[in-house]
Amino acid sequence: MFWRSFILVVLGLVSVVLFSRMVWGPTGLLEYRELKKQYSDLEKQIADLDAENMALSREIRLLQSDNQYVEKVIRQRLHYVRDNEVLYLFDASVKPHREP
């Protein structure tokens, strides 16, 4: 009877230790959940980078083949104008003054 109780207690303790390692150990469920979250974050980051890559590839293709697009980009980014044109640049941070 004593040995039977002793064996049950030992097996119970082993079960508790194994269960605690399964949940809180270095390869336990909590670590698994954290790794799963990191994986989903990385998947989202990859998808965002793929979308950005596609947009940049499209712009490269347009810059190499479409002269009108090249002119548009030059005019917008470098503020180039044609002969007899005037360019007005407004500061976006300045708000117009309103009188009451």
C-alpha atoms as a PDB file:
ATOM      1  CA  MET A   1       0.000   0.000   0.000  1.00  0.00           C
ATOM      2  CA  PHE A   2       2.834   2.381   0.868  1.00  0.00           C
ATOM      3  CA  TRP A   3       4.673   1.719  -2.400  1.00  0.00           C
ATOM      4  CA  ARG A   4       1.543   2.178  -4.391  1.00  0.00           C
ATOM      5  CA  SER A   5       0.903   5.613  -2.806  1.00  0.00           C
ATOM      6  CA  PHE A   6       4.565   6.528  -3.203  1.00  0.00           C
ATOM      7  CA  ILE A   7       4.551   5.635  -6.909  1.00  0.00           C
ATOM      8  CA  LEU A   8       1.327   7.608  -7.470  1.00  0.00           C
ATOM      9  CA  VAL A   9       2.805  10.686  -5.761  1.00  0.00           C
ATOM     10  CA  VAL A  10       6.036  10.423  -7.767  1.00  0.00           C
ATOM     11  CA  LEU A  11       4.122   9.987 -11.024  1.00  0.00           C
ATOM     12  CA  GLY A  12       1.891  12.939 -10.081  1.00  0.00           C
ATOM     13  CA  LEU A  13       4.937  15.135  -9.435  1.00  0.00           C
ATOM     14  CA  VAL A  14       6.536  14.035 -12.729  1.00  0.00           C
ATOM     15  CA  SER A  15       3.280  14.876 -14.502  1.00  0.00           C
ATOM     16  CA  VAL A  16       3.177  18.348 -12.891  1.00  0.00           C
ATOM     17  CA  VAL A  17       6.814  19.027 -13.825  1.00  0.00           C
ATOM     18  CA  LEU A  18       6.284  17.881 -17.408  1.00  0.00           C
ATOM     19  CA  PHE A  19       3.107  19.930 -17.713  1.00  0.00           C
ATOM     20  CA  SER A  20       4.821  23.064 -16.362  1.00  0.00           C
ATOM     21  CA  ARG A  21       7.705  22.608 -18.827  1.00  0.00           C
ATOM     22  CA  MET A  22       5.205  22.113 -21.632  1.00  0.00           C
ATOM     23  CA  VAL A  23       3.503  25.425 -20.813  1.00  0.00           C
ATOM     24  CA  TRP A  24       6.295  27.647 -19.459  1.00  0.00           C
ATOM     25  CA  GLY A  25       9.452  25.955 -20.730  1.00  0.00           C
ATOM     26  CA  PRO A  26      11.810  27.289 -23.419  1.00  0.00           C
ATOM     27  CA  THR A  27       9.839  25.468 -26.111  1.00  0.00           C
ATOM     28  CA  GLY A  28       6.496  25.688 -24.346  1.00  0.00           C
ATOM     29  CA  LEU A  29       3.115  26.979 -25.374  1.00  0.00           C
ATOM     30  CA  LEU A  30       3.791  30.566 -24.327  1.00  0.00           C
ATOM     31  CA  GLU A  31       6.956  30.681 -26.413  1.00  0.00           C
ATOM     32  CA  TYR A  32       5.058  29.085 -29.298  1.00  0.00           C
ATOM     33  CA  ARG A  33       2.384  31.795 -29.157  1.00  0.00           C
ATOM     34  CA  GLU A  34       5.051  34.512 -29.181  1.00  0.00           C
ATOM     35  CA  LEU A  35       6.791  32.923 -32.161  1.00  0.00           C
ATOM     36  CA  LYS A  36       3.468  32.583 -33.972  1.00  0.00           C
ATOM     37  CA  LYS A  37       2.803  36.301 -33.431  1.00  0.00           C
ATOM     38  CA  GLN A  38       6.279  37.191 -34.720  1.00  0.00           C
ATOM     39  CA  TYR A  39       5.689  34.988 -37.754  1.00  0.00           C
ATOM     40  CA  SER A  40       2.419  36.731 -38.604  1.00  0.00           C
ATOM     41  CA  ASP A  41       4.082  40.143 -38.167  1.00  0.00           C
ATOM     42  CA  LEU A  42       6.867  39.105 -40.526  1.00  0.00           C
ATOM     43  CA  GLU A  43       4.328  37.793 -43.047  1.00  0.00           C
ATOM     44  CA  LYS A  44       2.570  41.179 -42.986  1.00  0.00           C
ATOM     45  CA  GLN A  45       5.886  42.988 -43.379  1.00  0.00           C
ATOM     46  CA  ILE A  46       6.758  40.783 -46.361  1.00  0.00           C
ATOM     47  CA  ALA A  47       3.390  41.521 -47.974  1.00  0.00           C
ATOM     48  CA  ASP A  48       3.893  45.265 -47.478  1.00  0.00           C
ATOM     49  CA  LEU A  49       7.381  45.102 -48.966  1.00  0.00           C
ATOM     50  CA  ASP A  50       6.095  43.079 -51.928  1.00  0.00           C
ATOM     51  CA  ALA A  51       3.446  45.727 -52.612  1.00  0.00           C
ATOM     52  CA  GLU A  52       6.057  48.491 -52.395  1.00  0.00           C
ATOM     53  CA  ASN A  53       8.352  46.501 -54.671  1.00  0.00           C
ATOM     54  CA  MET A  54       5.580  46.131 -57.251  1.00  0.00           C
ATOM     55  CA  ALA A  55       4.860  49.869 -57.159  1.00  0.00           C
ATOM     56  CA  LEU A  56       8.538  50.708 -57.616  1.00  0.00           C
ATOM     57  CA  SER A  57       8.838  48.200 -60.473  1.00  0.00           C
ATOM     58  CA  ARG A  58       5.862  49.828 -62.171  1.00  0.00           C
ATOM     59  CA  GLU A  59       7.407  53.275 -61.774  1.00  0.00           C
ATOM     60  CA  ILE A  60      10.730  52.038 -63.181  1.00  0.00           C
ATOM     61  CA  ARG A  61       8.950  50.540 -66.166  1.00  0.00           C
ATOM     62  CA  LEU A  62       7.087  53.817 -66.773  1.00  0.00           C
ATOM     63  CA  LEU A  63      10.266  55.880 -66.451  1.00  0.00           C
ATOM     64  CA  GLN A  64      12.026  53.674 -68.985  1.00  0.00           C
ATOM     65  CA  SER A  65       9.243  53.629 -71.566  1.00  0.00           C
ATOM     66  CA  ASP A  66       6.845  56.585 -71.161  1.00  0.00           C
ATOM     67  CA  ASN A  67       8.234  60.024 -72.057  1.00  0.00           C
ATOM     68  CA  GLN A  68       5.119  61.835 -70.830  1.00  0.00           C
ATOM     69  CA  TYR A  69       5.484  60.211 -67.412  1.00  0.00           C
ATOM     70  CA  VAL A  70       9.164  61.188 -67.307  1.00  0.00           C
ATOM     71  CA  GLU A  71       8.232  64.806 -68.064  1.00  0.00           C
ATOM     72  CA  LYS A  72       5.535  64.739 -65.389  1.00  0.00           C
ATOM     73  CA  VAL A  73       7.968  63.409 -62.774  1.00  0.00           C
ATOM     74  CA  ILE A  74      10.621  65.958 -63.694  1.00  0.00           C
ATOM     75  CA  ARG A  75       8.123  68.807 -63.478  1.00  0.00           C
ATOM     76  CA  GLN A  76       6.731  67.649 -60.109  1.00  0.00           C
ATOM     77  CA  ARG A  77       9.907  66.667 -58.315  1.00  0.00           C
ATOM     78  CA  LEU A  78      12.460  69.061 -59.788  1.00  0.00           C
ATOM     79  CA  HIS A  79      10.081  71.997 -60.449  1.00  0.00           C
ATOM     80  CA  TYR A  80      11.106  72.369 -64.071  1.00  0.00           C
ATOM     81  CA  VAL A  81       9.012  74.607 -66.315  1.00  0.00           C
ATOM     82  CA  ARG A  82       8.742  75.111 -70.035  1.00  0.00           C
ATOM     83  CA  ASP A  83       9.483  78.381 -71.787  1.00  0.00           C
ATOM     84  CA  ASN A  84       6.912  81.076 -71.048  1.00  0.00           C
ATOM     85  CA  GLU A  85       5.613  79.267 -67.946  1.00  0.00           C
ATOM     86  CA  VAL A  86       5.599  80.573 -64.401  1.00  0.00           C
ATOM     87  CA  LEU A  87       5.833  78.260 -61.397  1.00  0.00           C
ATOM     88  CA  TYR A  88       4.129  79.220 -58.150  1.00  0.00           C
ATOM     89  CA  LEU A  89       5.195  77.294 -55.036  1.00  0.00           C
ATOM     90  CA  PHE A  90       3.108  77.607 -51.896  1.00  0.00           C
ATOM     91  CA  ASP A  91       4.279  76.602 -48.448  1.00  0.00           C
ATOM     92  CA  ALA A  92       1.871  73.980 -47.146  1.00  0.00           C
ATOM     93  CA  SER A  93       2.616  74.811 -43.486  1.00  0.00           C
ATOM     94  CA  VAL A  94       1.479  78.452 -43.773  1.00  0.00           C
ATOM     95  CA  LYS A  95      -2.227  78.901 -43.107  1.00  0.00           C
ATOM     96  CA  PRO A  96      -4.108  81.869 -44.524  1.00  0.00           C
ATOM     97  CA  HIS A  97      -4.982  84.573 -42.017  1.00  0.00           C
ATOM     98  CA  ARG A  98      -8.714  85.057 -41.488  1.00  0.00           C
ATOM     99  CA  GLU A  99     -10.171  88.260 -40.205  1.00  0.00           C
ATOM    100  CA  PRO A 100     -13.126  88.022 -37.818  1.00  0.00           C
END
